[in-house]
C-alpha atoms as a PDB file:
ATOM      1  CA  MET A   1     -36.471  19.618  22.199  1.00  0.00           C
ATOM      2  CA  ALA A   2     -32.487  20.041  21.117  1.00  0.00           C
ATOM      3  CA  ASP A   3     -29.611  19.114  23.500  1.00  0.00           C
ATOM      4  CA  THR A   4     -27.611  22.277  23.946  1.00  0.00           C
ATOM      5  CA  PHE A   5     -24.316  22.624  23.412  1.00  0.00           C
ATOM      6  CA  PRO A   6     -23.344  21.982  26.908  1.00  0.00           C
ATOM      7  CA  ARG A   7     -25.717  18.736  27.442  1.00  0.00           C
ATOM      8  CA  GLN A   8     -24.210  17.488  23.814  1.00  0.00           C
ATOM      9  CA  TYR A   9     -20.975  18.563  24.905  1.00  0.00           C
ATOM     10  CA  ALA A  10     -21.090  16.338  28.067  1.00  0.00           C
ATOM     11  CA  ARG A  11     -23.024  13.618  26.612  1.00  0.00           C
ATOM     12  CA  THR A  12     -20.572  12.907  23.825  1.00  0.00           C
ATOM     13  CA  ARG A  13     -17.411  13.552  26.310  1.00  0.00           C
ATOM     14  CA  ARG A  14     -16.358  17.011  25.186  1.00  0.00           C
ATOM     15  CA  LEU A  15     -17.147  15.571  21.438  1.00  0.00           C
ATOM     16  CA  THR A  16     -14.362  12.840  21.713  1.00  0.00           C
ATOM     17  CA  LEU A  17     -16.793   9.753  21.630  1.00  0.00           C
ATOM     18  CA  GLY A  18     -16.714   8.014  18.098  1.00  0.00           C
ATOM     19  CA  GLU A  19     -13.555   9.663  17.244  1.00  0.00           C
ATOM     20  CA  PRO A  20     -10.414   7.335  16.306  1.00  0.00           C
ATOM     21  CA  ARG A  21      -7.596   7.351  18.720  1.00  0.00           C
ATOM     22  CA  ASN A  22      -4.208   5.055  20.096  1.00  0.00           C
ATOM     23  CA  PHE A  23      -3.277   4.221  16.400  1.00  0.00           C
ATOM     24  CA  THR A  24      -0.514   1.642  15.310  1.00  0.00           C
ATOM     25  CA  ILE A  25       0.571   1.771  12.076  1.00  0.00           C
ATOM     26  CA  SER A  26       2.260  -2.082  11.065  1.00  0.00           C
ATOM     27  CA  PRO A  27       5.984  -2.224   9.793  1.00  0.00           C
ATOM     28  CA  ASP A  28       4.704  -2.954   6.431  1.00  0.00           C
ATOM     29  CA  GLY A  29       2.043   0.499   6.338  1.00  0.00           C
ATOM     30  CA  LYS A  30      -0.668  -2.255   4.803  1.00  0.00           C
ATOM     31  CA  ARG A  31      -2.563  -2.112   8.486  1.00  0.00           C
ATOM     32  CA  VAL A  32      -3.606   1.010  10.700  1.00  0.00           C
ATOM     33  CA  VAL A  33      -4.879  -0.511  13.978  1.00  0.00           C
ATOM     34  CA  PHE A  34      -7.036   2.066  16.561  1.00  0.00           C
ATOM     35  CA  LEU A  35      -9.972   2.414  18.860  1.00  0.00           C
ATOM     36  CA  ARG A  36     -13.129   3.947  18.510  1.00  0.00           C
ATOM     37  CA  SER A  37     -16.636   3.799  19.317  1.00  0.00           C
ATOM     38  CA  GLY A  38     -19.765   2.949  17.078  1.00  0.00           C
ATOM     39  CA  ALA A  39     -20.748   6.881  17.246  1.00  0.00           C
ATOM     40  CA  GLY A  40     -20.663   9.753  18.693  1.00  0.00           C
ATOM     41  CA  ASP A  41     -22.878   8.946  21.768  1.00  0.00           C
ATOM     42  CA  ASP A  42     -21.467   5.261  22.003  1.00  0.00           C
ATOM     43  CA  PRO A  43     -18.587   5.427  25.525  1.00  0.00           C
ATOM     44  CA  ALA A  44     -17.650   2.028  24.845  1.00  0.00           C
ATOM     45  CA  ASN A  45     -14.580   1.315  22.584  1.00  0.00           C
ATOM     46  CA  GLY A  46     -13.984  -1.337  20.083  1.00  0.00           C
ATOM     47  CA  LEU A  47     -10.467  -2.041  18.062  1.00  0.00           C
ATOM     48  CA  TRP A  48     -10.758  -1.338  14.861  1.00  0.00           C
ATOM     49  CA  VAL A  49      -8.309  -2.018  11.719  1.00  0.00           C
ATOM     50  CA  TYR A  50      -7.615  -0.131   8.416  1.00  0.00           C
ATOM     51  CA  ASP A  51      -6.847  -1.974   5.618  1.00  0.00           C
ATOM     52  CA  VAL A  52      -4.842   0.758   3.737  1.00  0.00           C
ATOM     53  CA  ASP A  53      -4.635  -1.503   0.437  1.00  0.00           C
ATOM     54  CA  GLN A  54      -8.317  -2.572   0.356  1.00  0.00           C
ATOM     55  CA  ASP A  55      -9.474   1.310   1.890  1.00  0.00           C
ATOM     56  CA  GLU A  56     -11.784  -0.386   4.190  1.00  0.00           C
ATOM     57  CA  GLU A  57     -11.817  -0.337   7.845  1.00  0.00           C
ATOM     58  CA  VAL A  58     -12.993  -3.720   9.499  1.00  0.00           C
ATOM     59  CA  HIS A  59     -14.552  -3.348  13.592  1.00  0.00           C
ATOM     60  CA  VAL A  60     -12.442  -6.039  14.794  1.00  0.00           C
ATOM     61  CA  VAL A  61     -13.650  -6.569  18.224  1.00  0.00           C
ATOM     62  CA  ASP A  62     -16.356  -4.937  19.418  1.00  0.00           C
ATOM     63  CA  ALA A  63     -16.150  -4.996  23.439  1.00  0.00           C
ATOM     64  CA  ALA A  64     -20.755  -5.891  24.281  1.00  0.00           C
ATOM     65  CA  ASP A  65     -19.908  -8.911  22.292  1.00  0.00           C
ATOM     66  CA  LEU A  66     -17.201 -10.461  24.779  1.00  0.00           C
ATOM     67  CA  LEU A  67     -19.112  -9.006  27.911  1.00  0.00           C
ATOM     68  CA  GLU A  68     -21.852 -11.403  29.031  1.00  0.00           C
ATOM     69  CA  GLN A  69     -23.161  -8.708  31.162  1.00  0.00           C
ATOM     70  CA  ALA A  70     -24.753  -5.286  29.551  1.00  0.00           C
ATOM     71  CA  ASP A  71     -21.949  -3.457  32.900  1.00  0.00           C
ATOM     72  CA  GLU A  72     -18.587  -3.478  32.374  1.00  0.00           C
ATOM     73  CA  VAL A  73     -17.042  -4.621  35.806  1.00  0.00           C
ATOM     74  CA  LEU A  74     -13.765  -3.380  36.467  1.00  0.00           C
ATOM     75  CA  PRO A  75     -10.609  -4.727  39.053  1.00  0.00           C
ATOM     76  CA  PRO A  76      -9.895  -2.190  41.584  1.00  0.00           C
ATOM     77  CA  GLN A  77      -6.656  -1.811  39.545  1.00  0.00           C
ATOM     78  CA  GLU A  78      -7.778  -0.880  36.455  1.00  0.00           C
ATOM     79  CA  ARG A  79     -10.717   1.412  37.916  1.00  0.00           C
ATOM     80  CA  ALA A  80      -7.380   3.279  39.909  1.00  0.00           C
ATOM     81  CA  ARG A  81      -5.353   3.367  36.227  1.00  0.00           C
ATOM     82  CA  ARG A  82      -8.382   4.304  34.778  1.00  0.00           C
ATOM     83  CA  GLU A  83      -8.426   7.124  37.305  1.00  0.00           C
ATOM     84  CA  ARG A  84      -4.938   8.170  37.081  1.00  0.00           C
ATOM     85  CA  VAL A  85      -4.706   8.691  33.250  1.00  0.00           C
ATOM     86  CA  ARG A  86      -8.453  10.295  33.469  1.00  0.00           C
ATOM     87  CA  GLU A  87      -9.433   7.537  30.920  1.00  0.00           C
ATOM     88  CA  GLN A  88     -13.744   8.223  30.842  1.00  0.00           C
ATOM     89  CA  ALA A  89     -13.989   5.520  28.042  1.00  0.00           C
ATOM     90  CA  GLY A  90     -15.125   1.729  28.533  1.00  0.00           C
ATOM     91  CA  GLY A  91     -14.503  -0.987  26.134  1.00  0.00           C
ATOM     92  CA  ILE A  92     -11.475  -1.825  25.349  1.00  0.00           C
ATOM     93  CA  VAL A  93      -9.450   1.648  26.159  1.00  0.00           C
ATOM     94  CA  ALA A  94      -5.740  -0.102  25.377  1.00  0.00           C
ATOM     95  CA  TYR A  95      -4.145  -2.636  23.713  1.00  0.00           C
ATOM     96  CA  ALA A  96      -0.387  -4.212  22.545  1.00  0.00           C
ATOM     97  CA  THR A  97       0.347  -5.289  19.851  1.00  0.00           C
ATOM     98  CA  ASP A  98       3.488  -7.599  18.254  1.00  0.00           C
ATOM     99  CA  ALA A  99       6.315  -6.615  16.096  1.00  0.00           C
ATOM    100  CA  GLU A 100       4.547  -7.278  12.910  1.00  0.00           C
ATOM    101  CA  THR A 101       0.866  -5.518  14.183  1.00  0.00           C
ATOM    102  CA  THR A 102      -0.774  -9.272  12.968  1.00  0.00           C
ATOM    103  CA  MET A 103      -2.135  -9.868  16.494  1.00  0.00           C
ATOM    104  CA  ALA A 104      -3.190  -7.698  19.681  1.00  0.00           C
ATOM    105  CA  ALA A 105      -3.865  -8.347  23.118  1.00  0.00           C
ATOM    106  CA  PHE A 106      -6.081  -6.117  25.505  1.00  0.00           C
ATOM    107  CA  ALA A 107      -7.688  -6.558  28.465  1.00  0.00           C
ATOM    108  CA  LEU A 108     -11.772  -6.486  29.108  1.00  0.00           C
ATOM    109  CA  ALA A 109     -13.312  -6.488  32.447  1.00  0.00           C
ATOM    110  CA  GLY A 110     -10.124  -7.931  33.874  1.00  0.00           C
ATOM    111  CA  ARG A 111     -10.148 -10.833  31.423  1.00  0.00           C
ATOM    112  CA  LEU A 112      -7.075 -11.323  28.909  1.00  0.00           C
ATOM    113  CA  PHE A 113      -8.197 -11.136  24.980  1.00  0.00           C
ATOM    114  CA  THR A 114      -5.908 -11.934  22.036  1.00  0.00           C
ATOM    115  CA  VAL A 115      -7.065 -11.211  18.088  1.00  0.00           C
ATOM    116  CA  HIS A 116      -5.620 -11.945  15.548  1.00  0.00           C
ATOM    117  CA  LEU A 117      -5.669  -8.318  13.059  1.00  0.00           C
ATOM    118  CA  THR A 118      -5.833  -9.845  10.019  1.00  0.00           C
ATOM    119  CA  THR A 119      -8.824 -12.368  10.700  1.00  0.00           C
ATOM    120  CA  GLY A 120     -10.472 -11.168  13.063  1.00  0.00           C
ATOM    121  CA  ALA A 121      -9.769 -14.327  15.195  1.00  0.00           C
ATOM    122  CA  VAL A 122     -10.624 -13.680  18.968  1.00  0.00           C
ATOM    123  CA  HIS A 123      -9.793 -16.059  21.961  1.00  0.00           C
ATOM    124  CA  GLU A 124      -9.908 -15.341  25.867  1.00  0.00           C
ATOM    125  CA  VAL A 125      -6.923 -16.438  27.747  1.00  0.00           C
ATOM    126  CA  PRO A 126      -7.607 -18.292  30.441  1.00  0.00           C
ATOM    127  CA  THR A 127      -5.459 -16.269  33.521  1.00  0.00           C
ATOM    128  CA  GLU A 128      -5.509 -16.930  37.410  1.00  0.00           C
ATOM    129  CA  GLY A 129      -6.850 -13.757  38.082  1.00  0.00           C
ATOM    130  CA  PRO A 130      -7.795 -10.088  36.668  1.00  0.00           C
ATOM    131  CA  VAL A 131      -5.684  -8.696  34.255  1.00  0.00           C
ATOM    132  CA  PHE A 132      -4.855  -5.362  33.009  1.00  0.00           C
ATOM    133  CA  ASP A 133      -1.799  -3.915  30.795  1.00  0.00           C
ATOM    134  CA  PRO A 134      -1.182  -6.993  28.774  1.00  0.00           C
ATOM    135  CA  ARG A 135       1.840  -7.097  26.568  1.00  0.00           C
ATOM    136  CA  PRO A 136       2.561  -8.974  23.629  1.00  0.00           C
ATOM    137  CA  ASP A 137       6.528 -10.797  22.845  1.00  0.00           C
ATOM    138  CA  PRO A 138       7.415  -9.025  19.611  1.00  0.00           C
ATOM    139  CA  LYS A 139       6.766 -12.805  18.000  1.00  0.00           C
ATOM    140  CA  GLY A 140       3.283 -12.675  18.762  1.00  0.00           C
ATOM    141  CA  ARG A 141       3.460 -16.524  20.767  1.00  0.00           C
ATOM    142  CA  ARG A 142       3.568 -15.238  24.593  1.00  0.00           C
ATOM    143  CA  VAL A 143       1.380 -12.359  26.817  1.00  0.00           C
ATOM    144  CA  ALA A 144       2.621 -10.776  29.778  1.00  0.00           C
ATOM    145  CA  TYR A 145       0.091  -8.688  32.022  1.00  0.00           C
ATOM    146  CA  VAL A 146      -0.056  -7.719  35.310  1.00  0.00           C
ATOM    147  CA  SER A 147      -2.792  -9.263  37.469  1.00  0.00           C
ATOM    148  CA  GLY A 148      -3.171  -9.210  41.312  1.00  0.00           C
END
């Protein structure tokens, strides 16, 4: 039986799953960083980079590759933040970049990660407790975040 429109509308979160969002354009105009899930029925966002010169999208970080469990366990502070902003997606829901848009920082299940946007190298940064709202400094050498 085919999905009725109301069921499809609900399953795809108002037809927004799989659509790009949260764009950051590099100062030189060569990269566009954004969040998107892999398909129209996938609720977990990943981090993507569009290379303007190559006319190519690269899936830089897949949240499922970084999580050890199938379910994302959120710290209470992140759960409250998502409820306040009515965030329904999972995976990577926010990120911040350095001034040159060569590195990004993001929190996933309370863990802090950085990624080099041109090489795709991902690093987990050890922290004392659950993390949310990480922000790299303009040079991309340090990351500030909220914890506790």
